[in-house]
């Protein structure tokens, strides 16, 4: 496919013609302090920007579909950026993967119209949270699953989870960032499209959650609450009461980061705004 060439960016007015590319990114979150650059600790974005700037010989800026927290993994994160239009994409992918190995990999590079933006064009994000639920730990999944030794009731967790589907204020499950003086607090309203727990056998439980967008720690907050329901520490009816309270003090512990994976991102359909 021939890339749609765009006018040179003001920052690169004397540089090459640029075109937009979309890539999938997979990473092991344990080695990074989240996706987004923070000018302090290593992040996935830092690794990608360093590699891509080296290969293209221009400074690059990345748009990402999901700003995952420290320790959270991704199977199919989506990013977009502008690179020289004469870039050979297969060679570009090989080069990035060589520089980012072994904890980050990119794939499926595609030229896109310049209206495409990995974050703004996304209509939904899907996460999966993995729980190892058996009497003894499994060292083979310790990096990717929360170990809970007491039996969990999947039917009870699904009954409670039903209350989360729809357009709600998820303040009780999210970590609210400090609001600058004089600014409006960020909305915690989100459209949760579907959520379900699945028992995959041999002690492997998975919670799959899809929404138009997620607040900070929203998935982990909900999973922590639902695990308490599964342990029969709380009744399923608490789910709606906690939602309506809009106060994190009414929730439960936040599930550990290492069990969470950004699974995939959708771009079809209508984009719902919080």
C-alpha atoms as a PDB file:
ATOM      1  CA  UNK A   1       0.000   0.000   0.000  1.00  0.00           C
ATOM      2  CA  UNK A   2       1.282   3.460  -0.898  1.00  0.00           C
ATOM      3  CA  UNK A   3       1.264   5.706   2.172  1.00  0.00           C
ATOM      4  CA  UNK A   4      -0.903   8.869   2.048  1.00  0.00           C
ATOM      5  CA  UNK A   5       1.742  11.587   2.203  1.00  0.00           C
ATOM      6  CA  UNK A   6       0.969  14.597   4.409  1.00  0.00           C
ATOM      7  CA  UNK A   7       2.430  18.062   4.443  1.00  0.00           C
ATOM      8  CA  UNK A   8       5.631  18.289   6.490  1.00  0.00           C
ATOM      9  CA  UNK A   9       5.067  19.020  10.166  1.00  0.00           C
ATOM     10  CA  UNK A  10       6.178  22.470  11.318  1.00  0.00           C
ATOM     11  CA  UNK A  11       8.756  20.792  13.521  1.00  0.00           C
ATOM     12  CA  UNK A  12      10.262  19.068  10.474  1.00  0.00           C
ATOM     13  CA  UNK A  13       9.773  21.746   7.800  1.00  0.00           C
ATOM     14  CA  UNK A  14      13.138  20.967   6.240  1.00  0.00           C
ATOM     15  CA  UNK A  15      12.790  17.230   6.702  1.00  0.00           C
ATOM     16  CA  UNK A  16      11.257  14.352   4.730  1.00  0.00           C
ATOM     17  CA  UNK A  17       7.603  14.040   3.748  1.00  0.00           C
ATOM     18  CA  UNK A  18       5.777  12.207   6.522  1.00  0.00           C
ATOM     19  CA  UNK A  19       2.989   9.626   6.574  1.00  0.00           C
ATOM     20  CA  UNK A  20       0.991   8.072   9.397  1.00  0.00           C
ATOM     21  CA  UNK A  21       1.584   4.502  10.463  1.00  0.00           C
ATOM     22  CA  UNK A  22      -0.321   2.296  12.896  1.00  0.00           C
ATOM     23  CA  UNK A  23       1.304  -0.540  14.822  1.00  0.00           C
ATOM     24  CA  UNK A  24       0.346  -3.135  17.408  1.00  0.00           C
ATOM     25  CA  UNK A  25       2.569  -3.295  20.496  1.00  0.00           C
ATOM     26  CA  UNK A  26       3.053  -6.203  22.892  1.00  0.00           C
ATOM     27  CA  UNK A  27       4.974  -5.759  26.130  1.00  0.00           C
ATOM     28  CA  UNK A  28       5.821  -7.311  29.481  1.00  0.00           C
ATOM     29  CA  UNK A  29       4.748  -4.618  31.925  1.00  0.00           C
ATOM     30  CA  UNK A  30       6.903  -5.760  34.847  1.00  0.00           C
ATOM     31  CA  UNK A  31       9.926  -4.068  33.303  1.00  0.00           C
ATOM     32  CA  UNK A  32       8.314  -0.637  32.914  1.00  0.00           C
ATOM     33  CA  UNK A  33       6.722   2.083  35.000  1.00  0.00           C
ATOM     34  CA  UNK A  34       3.672   2.167  32.754  1.00  0.00           C
ATOM     35  CA  UNK A  35       3.304   3.093  29.098  1.00  0.00           C
ATOM     36  CA  UNK A  36       3.445   6.894  29.161  1.00  0.00           C
ATOM     37  CA  UNK A  37       6.730   8.737  29.575  1.00  0.00           C
ATOM     38  CA  UNK A  38       7.127  10.307  33.020  1.00  0.00           C
ATOM     39  CA  UNK A  39      10.664  11.747  32.832  1.00  0.00           C
ATOM     40  CA  UNK A  40      11.686   9.639  35.845  1.00  0.00           C
ATOM     41  CA  UNK A  41      11.352   5.867  35.408  1.00  0.00           C
ATOM     42  CA  UNK A  42      11.655   3.616  32.314  1.00  0.00           C
ATOM     43  CA  UNK A  43       8.416   3.367  30.328  1.00  0.00           C
ATOM     44  CA  UNK A  44       7.248   1.563  27.196  1.00  0.00           C
ATOM     45  CA  UNK A  45       6.875   4.870  25.386  1.00  0.00           C
ATOM     46  CA  UNK A  46      10.488   5.792  26.195  1.00  0.00           C
ATOM     47  CA  UNK A  47      11.732   2.522  24.697  1.00  0.00           C
ATOM     48  CA  UNK A  48       9.631   2.903  21.535  1.00  0.00           C
ATOM     49  CA  UNK A  49      10.457   6.578  20.960  1.00  0.00           C
ATOM     50  CA  UNK A  50      14.192   5.961  21.394  1.00  0.00           C
ATOM     51  CA  UNK A  51      14.149   3.035  18.945  1.00  0.00           C
ATOM     52  CA  UNK A  52      11.938   4.718  16.338  1.00  0.00           C
ATOM     53  CA  UNK A  53      13.814   8.017  16.455  1.00  0.00           C
ATOM     54  CA  UNK A  54      17.077   6.144  15.954  1.00  0.00           C
ATOM     55  CA  UNK A  55      15.730   4.287  12.916  1.00  0.00           C
ATOM     56  CA  UNK A  56      13.920   7.204  11.240  1.00  0.00           C
ATOM     57  CA  UNK A  57      16.545   9.802  12.243  1.00  0.00           C
ATOM     58  CA  UNK A  58      13.835  12.259  13.253  1.00  0.00           C
ATOM     59  CA  UNK A  59      12.179  12.856  16.639  1.00  0.00           C
ATOM     60  CA  UNK A  60       8.878  10.972  16.778  1.00  0.00           C
ATOM     61  CA  UNK A  61       5.745  11.482  18.865  1.00  0.00           C
ATOM     62  CA  UNK A  62       3.422   8.576  19.657  1.00  0.00           C
ATOM     63  CA  UNK A  63      -0.339   8.465  20.174  1.00  0.00           C
ATOM     64  CA  UNK A  64      -1.490   5.413  22.124  1.00  0.00           C
ATOM     65  CA  UNK A  65      -4.878   3.801  22.643  1.00  0.00           C
ATOM     66  CA  UNK A  66      -4.290   2.985  26.322  1.00  0.00           C
ATOM     67  CA  UNK A  67      -2.008   4.491  28.961  1.00  0.00           C
ATOM     68  CA  UNK A  68      -1.421   1.329  30.995  1.00  0.00           C
ATOM     69  CA  UNK A  69      -0.153   1.578  34.582  1.00  0.00           C
ATOM     70  CA  UNK A  70       3.124   0.306  35.990  1.00  0.00           C
ATOM     71  CA  UNK A  71       3.293  -3.488  35.839  1.00  0.00           C
ATOM     72  CA  UNK A  72       0.343  -3.877  33.439  1.00  0.00           C
ATOM     73  CA  UNK A  73       0.973  -5.893  30.267  1.00  0.00           C
ATOM     74  CA  UNK A  74      -0.337  -5.506  26.725  1.00  0.00           C
ATOM     75  CA  UNK A  75      -1.114  -8.098  24.068  1.00  0.00           C
ATOM     76  CA  UNK A  76      -2.297  -5.697  21.365  1.00  0.00           C
ATOM     77  CA  UNK A  77      -1.761  -2.087  22.345  1.00  0.00           C
ATOM     78  CA  UNK A  78      -2.250   0.283  19.392  1.00  0.00           C
ATOM     79  CA  UNK A  79      -0.040   3.252  18.574  1.00  0.00           C
ATOM     80  CA  UNK A  80       0.130   5.725  15.708  1.00  0.00           C
ATOM     81  CA  UNK A  81       2.872   8.109  14.658  1.00  0.00           C
ATOM     82  CA  UNK A  82       4.252   9.975  11.656  1.00  0.00           C
ATOM     83  CA  UNK A  83       7.411   8.675   9.982  1.00  0.00           C
ATOM     84  CA  UNK A  84       9.108   9.331   6.627  1.00  0.00           C
ATOM     85  CA  UNK A  85       6.820   8.191   3.818  1.00  0.00           C
ATOM     86  CA  UNK A  86       9.626   6.268   2.104  1.00  0.00           C
ATOM     87  CA  UNK A  87      10.097   3.998   5.134  1.00  0.00           C
ATOM     88  CA  UNK A  88      10.060   0.284   4.358  1.00  0.00           C
ATOM     89  CA  UNK A  89       7.634  -0.958   7.016  1.00  0.00           C
ATOM     90  CA  UNK A  90       8.909  -4.515   7.332  1.00  0.00           C
ATOM     91  CA  UNK A  91      12.438  -3.255   7.889  1.00  0.00           C
ATOM     92  CA  UNK A  92      11.126  -0.633  10.306  1.00  0.00           C
ATOM     93  CA  UNK A  93       9.366  -3.312  12.396  1.00  0.00           C
ATOM     94  CA  UNK A  94      12.471  -5.524  12.420  1.00  0.00           C
ATOM     95  CA  UNK A  95      14.632  -2.609  13.509  1.00  0.00           C
ATOM     96  CA  UNK A  96      12.320  -1.533  16.323  1.00  0.00           C
ATOM     97  CA  UNK A  97      12.034  -5.097  17.613  1.00  0.00           C
ATOM     98  CA  UNK A  98      15.794  -5.527  17.541  1.00  0.00           C
ATOM     99  CA  UNK A  99      16.296  -2.385  19.641  1.00  0.00           C
ATOM    100  CA  UNK A 100      13.405  -3.048  22.061  1.00  0.00           C
ATOM    101  CA  UNK A 101      13.909  -6.786  22.665  1.00  0.00           C
ATOM    102  CA  UNK A 102      13.098  -8.760  24.684  1.00  0.00           C
ATOM    103  CA  UNK A 103      10.311  -6.981  26.606  1.00  0.00           C
ATOM    104  CA  UNK A 104       8.636  -4.930  23.841  1.00  0.00           C
ATOM    105  CA  UNK A 105       7.666  -5.940  20.306  1.00  0.00           C
ATOM    106  CA  UNK A 106       5.742  -4.213  17.511  1.00  0.00           C
ATOM    107  CA  UNK A 107       3.834  -5.880  14.673  1.00  0.00           C
ATOM    108  CA  UNK A 108       1.361  -5.406  11.816  1.00  0.00           C
ATOM    109  CA  UNK A 109       2.543  -1.948  10.700  1.00  0.00           C
ATOM    110  CA  UNK A 110       0.009  -0.348   8.353  1.00  0.00           C
ATOM    111  CA  UNK A 111      -0.061   3.005   6.560  1.00  0.00           C
ATOM    112  CA  UNK A 112      -3.137   5.004   7.584  1.00  0.00           C
ATOM    113  CA  UNK A 113      -4.919   8.163   6.535  1.00  0.00           C
ATOM    114  CA  UNK A 114      -3.644  11.180   8.473  1.00  0.00           C
ATOM    115  CA  UNK A 115      -7.047  11.475  10.205  1.00  0.00           C
ATOM    116  CA  UNK A 116      -6.364   8.245  12.116  1.00  0.00           C
ATOM    117  CA  UNK A 117      -5.260   8.620  15.725  1.00  0.00           C
ATOM    118  CA  UNK A 118      -4.678   5.573  17.937  1.00  0.00           C
ATOM    119  CA  UNK A 119      -6.327   7.212  20.931  1.00  0.00           C
ATOM    120  CA  UNK A 120      -8.974   9.533  19.484  1.00  0.00           C
ATOM    121  CA  UNK A 121     -10.177   7.109  16.812  1.00  0.00           C
ATOM    122  CA  UNK A 122     -10.665   4.174  19.213  1.00  0.00           C
ATOM    123  CA  UNK A 123     -14.266   3.222  20.038  1.00  0.00           C
ATOM    124  CA  UNK A 124     -13.493   0.652  22.751  1.00  0.00           C
ATOM    125  CA  UNK A 125     -10.715  -0.969  24.747  1.00  0.00           C
ATOM    126  CA  UNK A 126     -10.764  -4.526  26.111  1.00  0.00           C
ATOM    127  CA  UNK A 127      -8.793  -5.807  29.087  1.00  0.00           C
ATOM    128  CA  UNK A 128      -8.423  -9.283  30.509  1.00  0.00           C
ATOM    129  CA  UNK A 129      -7.553  -9.933  34.136  1.00  0.00           C
ATOM    130  CA  UNK A 130      -6.105 -13.350  35.021  1.00  0.00           C
ATOM    131  CA  UNK A 131      -6.478 -15.111  38.375  1.00  0.00           C
ATOM    132  CA  UNK A 132      -4.771 -18.340  39.415  1.00  0.00           C
ATOM    133  CA  UNK A 133      -7.350 -19.909  41.754  1.00  0.00           C
ATOM    134  CA  UNK A 134      -6.111 -23.186  43.203  1.00  0.00           C
ATOM    135  CA  UNK A 135      -4.744 -24.471  46.530  1.00  0.00           C
ATOM    136  CA  UNK A 136      -1.085 -24.187  45.483  1.00  0.00           C
ATOM    137  CA  UNK A 137       0.611 -21.439  43.408  1.00  0.00           C
ATOM    138  CA  UNK A 138       1.680 -22.020  39.816  1.00  0.00           C
ATOM    139  CA  UNK A 139       5.151 -20.518  39.260  1.00  0.00           C
ATOM    140  CA  UNK A 140       4.656 -20.680  35.481  1.00  0.00           C
ATOM    141  CA  UNK A 141       1.936 -17.982  35.574  1.00  0.00           C
ATOM    142  CA  UNK A 142       3.178 -15.889  38.501  1.00  0.00           C
ATOM    143  CA  UNK A 143       4.090 -12.936  36.230  1.00  0.00           C
ATOM    144  CA  UNK A 144       0.651 -12.821  34.596  1.00  0.00           C
ATOM    145  CA  UNK A 145      -1.950 -13.922  37.154  1.00  0.00           C
ATOM    146  CA  UNK A 146      -3.052 -12.936  40.663  1.00  0.00           C
ATOM    147  CA  UNK A 147      -2.788 -15.959  42.944  1.00  0.00           C
ATOM    148  CA  UNK A 148      -5.893 -16.449  45.135  1.00  0.00           C
ATOM    149  CA  UNK A 149      -5.796 -19.741  47.020  1.00  0.00           C
ATOM    150  CA  UNK A 150      -9.347 -19.770  48.428  1.00  0.00           C
ATOM    151  CA  UNK A 151     -12.086 -20.965  46.012  1.00  0.00           C
ATOM    152  CA  UNK A 152     -13.873 -18.200  44.105  1.00  0.00           C
ATOM    153  CA  UNK A 153     -17.511 -18.369  43.030  1.00  0.00           C
ATOM    154  CA  UNK A 154     -17.672 -17.415  39.350  1.00  0.00           C
ATOM    155  CA  UNK A 155     -21.527 -17.225  39.342  1.00  0.00           C
ATOM    156  CA  UNK A 156     -21.482 -14.755  42.263  1.00  0.00           C
ATOM    157  CA  UNK A 157     -18.799 -12.614  40.602  1.00  0.00           C
ATOM    158  CA  UNK A 158     -20.782 -12.513  37.354  1.00  0.00           C
ATOM    159  CA  UNK A 159     -23.969 -11.620  39.213  1.00  0.00           C
ATOM    160  CA  UNK A 160     -22.233  -8.647  40.833  1.00  0.00           C
ATOM    161  CA  UNK A 161     -20.512  -7.636  37.580  1.00  0.00           C
ATOM    162  CA  UNK A 162     -23.863  -7.241  35.786  1.00  0.00           C
ATOM    163  CA  UNK A 163     -24.446  -4.027  37.770  1.00  0.00           C
ATOM    164  CA  UNK A 164     -21.415  -2.399  36.131  1.00  0.00           C
ATOM    165  CA  UNK A 165     -22.703  -2.628  32.551  1.00  0.00           C
ATOM    166  CA  UNK A 166     -23.919   0.690  31.184  1.00  0.00           C
ATOM    167  CA  UNK A 167     -23.123   4.382  31.562  1.00  0.00           C
ATOM    168  CA  UNK A 168     -21.976   5.014  35.138  1.00  0.00           C
ATOM    169  CA  UNK A 169     -19.777   7.150  37.340  1.00  0.00           C
ATOM    170  CA  UNK A 170     -16.959   4.759  38.320  1.00  0.00           C
ATOM    171  CA  UNK A 171     -15.406   7.021  40.978  1.00  0.00           C
ATOM    172  CA  UNK A 172     -15.661   4.228  43.573  1.00  0.00           C
ATOM    173  CA  UNK A 173     -13.254   2.090  41.550  1.00  0.00           C
ATOM    174  CA  UNK A 174     -10.858   4.697  40.183  1.00  0.00           C
ATOM    175  CA  UNK A 175      -7.888   6.613  41.470  1.00  0.00           C
ATOM    176  CA  UNK A 176      -8.625  10.292  40.960  1.00  0.00           C
ATOM    177  CA  UNK A 177      -5.670  12.414  39.948  1.00  0.00           C
ATOM    178  CA  UNK A 178      -5.139  15.698  41.860  1.00  0.00           C
ATOM    179  CA  UNK A 179      -7.152  18.510  40.286  1.00  0.00           C
ATOM    180  CA  UNK A 180      -5.222  21.740  39.654  1.00  0.00           C
ATOM    181  CA  UNK A 181      -6.573  24.748  41.517  1.00  0.00           C
ATOM    182  CA  UNK A 182      -9.411  26.384  39.613  1.00  0.00           C
ATOM    183  CA  UNK A 183      -9.838  23.421  37.229  1.00  0.00           C
ATOM    184  CA  UNK A 184     -12.862  21.140  36.897  1.00  0.00           C
ATOM    185  CA  UNK A 185     -12.361  17.584  38.236  1.00  0.00           C
ATOM    186  CA  UNK A 186     -12.071  14.983  35.487  1.00  0.00           C
ATOM    187  CA  UNK A 187     -15.246  13.035  34.789  1.00  0.00           C
ATOM    188  CA  UNK A 188     -15.331   9.414  35.916  1.00  0.00           C
ATOM    189  CA  UNK A 189     -18.314   8.622  33.680  1.00  0.00           C
ATOM    190  CA  UNK A 190     -17.650   5.695  31.355  1.00  0.00           C
ATOM    191  CA  UNK A 191     -19.654   3.326  29.147  1.00  0.00           C
ATOM    192  CA  UNK A 192     -18.923  -0.225  30.251  1.00  0.00           C
ATOM    193  CA  UNK A 193     -20.002  -2.347  27.291  1.00  0.00           C
ATOM    194  CA  UNK A 194     -19.579  -5.848  28.713  1.00  0.00           C
ATOM    195  CA  UNK A 195     -17.908  -7.732  31.543  1.00  0.00           C
ATOM    196  CA  UNK A 196     -17.786 -11.458  32.326  1.00  0.00           C
ATOM    197  CA  UNK A 197     -15.766 -13.991  34.299  1.00  0.00           C
ATOM    198  CA  UNK A 198     -14.801 -17.274  32.634  1.00  0.00           C
ATOM    199  CA  UNK A 199     -13.451 -20.457  34.200  1.00  0.00           C
ATOM    200  CA  UNK A 200     -10.886 -21.841  31.760  1.00  0.00           C
ATOM    201  CA  UNK A 201     -10.176 -24.908  33.868  1.00  0.00           C
ATOM    202  CA  UNK A 202      -7.219 -26.023  36.005  1.00  0.00           C
ATOM    203  CA  UNK A 203      -7.661 -23.041  38.318  1.00  0.00           C
ATOM    204  CA  UNK A 204      -7.405 -20.406  35.593  1.00  0.00           C
ATOM    205  CA  UNK A 205     -10.044 -17.663  35.842  1.00  0.00           C
ATOM    206  CA  UNK A 206     -10.321 -14.713  33.466  1.00  0.00           C
ATOM    207  CA  UNK A 207     -12.317 -11.502  33.777  1.00  0.00           C
ATOM    208  CA  UNK A 208     -12.890  -9.846  30.393  1.00  0.00           C
ATOM    209  CA  UNK A 209     -13.935  -6.171  30.446  1.00  0.00           C
ATOM    210  CA  UNK A 210     -14.716  -3.875  27.501  1.00  0.00           C
ATOM    211  CA  UNK A 211     -15.541  -0.161  27.701  1.00  0.00           C
ATOM    212  CA  UNK A 212     -15.311   2.995  25.634  1.00  0.00           C
ATOM    213  CA  UNK A 213     -12.473   4.111  27.930  1.00  0.00           C
ATOM    214  CA  UNK A 214     -11.158   3.457  31.431  1.00  0.00           C
ATOM    215  CA  UNK A 215     -10.251   5.645  34.395  1.00  0.00           C
ATOM    216  CA  UNK A 216      -6.989   5.199  36.308  1.00  0.00           C
ATOM    217  CA  UNK A 217      -7.020   1.772  38.062  1.00  0.00           C
ATOM    218  CA  UNK A 218     -10.683   1.213  37.110  1.00  0.00           C
ATOM    219  CA  UNK A 219     -10.281  -2.403  35.976  1.00  0.00           C
ATOM    220  CA  UNK A 220      -8.140  -3.365  38.956  1.00  0.00           C
ATOM    221  CA  UNK A 221     -10.572  -1.673  41.332  1.00  0.00           C
ATOM    222  CA  UNK A 222     -13.522  -3.600  39.919  1.00  0.00           C
ATOM    223  CA  UNK A 223     -11.638  -6.901  39.894  1.00  0.00           C
ATOM    224  CA  UNK A 224     -10.578  -6.436  43.529  1.00  0.00           C
ATOM    225  CA  UNK A 225     -14.206  -5.854  44.505  1.00  0.00           C
ATOM    226  CA  UNK A 226     -15.474  -8.829  42.475  1.00  0.00           C
ATOM    227  CA  UNK A 227     -12.888 -11.152  43.998  1.00  0.00           C
ATOM    228  CA  UNK A 228     -14.182 -10.151  47.444  1.00  0.00           C
ATOM    229  CA  UNK A 229     -17.672 -11.104  46.198  1.00  0.00           C
ATOM    230  CA  UNK A 230     -16.295 -14.410  44.886  1.00  0.00           C
ATOM    231  CA  UNK A 231     -14.754 -15.079  48.308  1.00  0.00           C
ATOM    232  CA  UNK A 232     -18.182 -14.314  49.871  1.00  0.00           C
ATOM    233  CA  UNK A 233     -16.759 -11.395  51.837  1.00  0.00           C
ATOM    234  CA  UNK A 234     -19.368  -9.136  50.232  1.00  0.00           C
ATOM    235  CA  UNK A 235     -22.791  -9.850  48.678  1.00  0.00           C
ATOM    236  CA  UNK A 236     -23.340  -9.246  44.939  1.00  0.00           C
ATOM    237  CA  UNK A 237     -25.917  -6.587  45.849  1.00  0.00           C
ATOM    238  CA  UNK A 238     -23.068  -4.384  47.105  1.00  0.00           C
ATOM    239  CA  UNK A 239     -22.040  -3.698  43.499  1.00  0.00           C
ATOM    240  CA  UNK A 240     -24.771  -1.162  42.792  1.00  0.00           C
ATOM    241  CA  UNK A 241     -24.466   0.383  46.260  1.00  0.00           C
ATOM    242  CA  UNK A 242     -20.733   0.952  45.746  1.00  0.00           C
ATOM    243  CA  UNK A 243     -21.305   2.450  42.292  1.00  0.00           C
ATOM    244  CA  UNK A 244     -23.901   4.873  43.646  1.00  0.00           C
ATOM    245  CA  UNK A 245     -21.640   5.864  46.569  1.00  0.00           C
ATOM    246  CA  UNK A 246     -19.057   7.254  44.088  1.00  0.00           C
ATOM    247  CA  UNK A 247     -16.460   6.957  46.841  1.00  0.00           C
ATOM    248  CA  UNK A 248     -13.421   4.716  46.696  1.00  0.00           C
ATOM    249  CA  UNK A 249     -13.658   4.110  50.444  1.00  0.00           C
ATOM    250  CA  UNK A 250     -16.722   1.931  49.745  1.00  0.00           C
ATOM    251  CA  UNK A 251     -14.817  -0.325  47.333  1.00  0.00           C
ATOM    252  CA  UNK A 252     -12.310  -3.111  47.998  1.00  0.00           C
ATOM    253  CA  UNK A 253      -8.584  -3.588  47.601  1.00  0.00           C
ATOM    254  CA  UNK A 254      -7.131  -2.882  44.185  1.00  0.00           C
ATOM    255  CA  UNK A 255      -6.100  -6.060  42.351  1.00  0.00           C
ATOM    256  CA  UNK A 256      -2.357  -6.342  41.626  1.00  0.00           C
ATOM    257  CA  UNK A 257      -1.131  -4.922  38.323  1.00  0.00           C
ATOM    258  CA  UNK A 258       0.618  -8.054  37.044  1.00  0.00           C
ATOM    259  CA  UNK A 259      -2.654  -9.918  36.365  1.00  0.00           C
ATOM    260  CA  UNK A 260      -3.931  -7.273  33.934  1.00  0.00           C
ATOM    261  CA  UNK A 261      -3.441  -7.309  30.150  1.00  0.00           C
ATOM    262  CA  UNK A 262      -4.638  -4.746  27.609  1.00  0.00           C
ATOM    263  CA  UNK A 263      -6.034  -7.325  25.215  1.00  0.00           C
ATOM    264  CA  UNK A 264      -7.141  -5.372  22.146  1.00  0.00           C
ATOM    265  CA  UNK A 265      -8.651  -2.108  20.897  1.00  0.00           C
ATOM    266  CA  UNK A 266     -11.585  -1.527  18.550  1.00  0.00           C
ATOM    267  CA  UNK A 267     -12.122   1.162  15.920  1.00  0.00           C
ATOM    268  CA  UNK A 268     -15.458   0.158  14.429  1.00  0.00           C
ATOM    269  CA  UNK A 269     -18.789   1.762  15.269  1.00  0.00           C
ATOM    270  CA  UNK A 270     -19.570   5.051  16.997  1.00  0.00           C
ATOM    271  CA  UNK A 271     -17.170   6.605  19.462  1.00  0.00           C
ATOM    272  CA  UNK A 272     -18.972   7.176  22.764  1.00  0.00           C
ATOM    273  CA  UNK A 273     -17.824  10.145  24.818  1.00  0.00           C
ATOM    274  CA  UNK A 274     -17.808   9.886  28.632  1.00  0.00           C
END
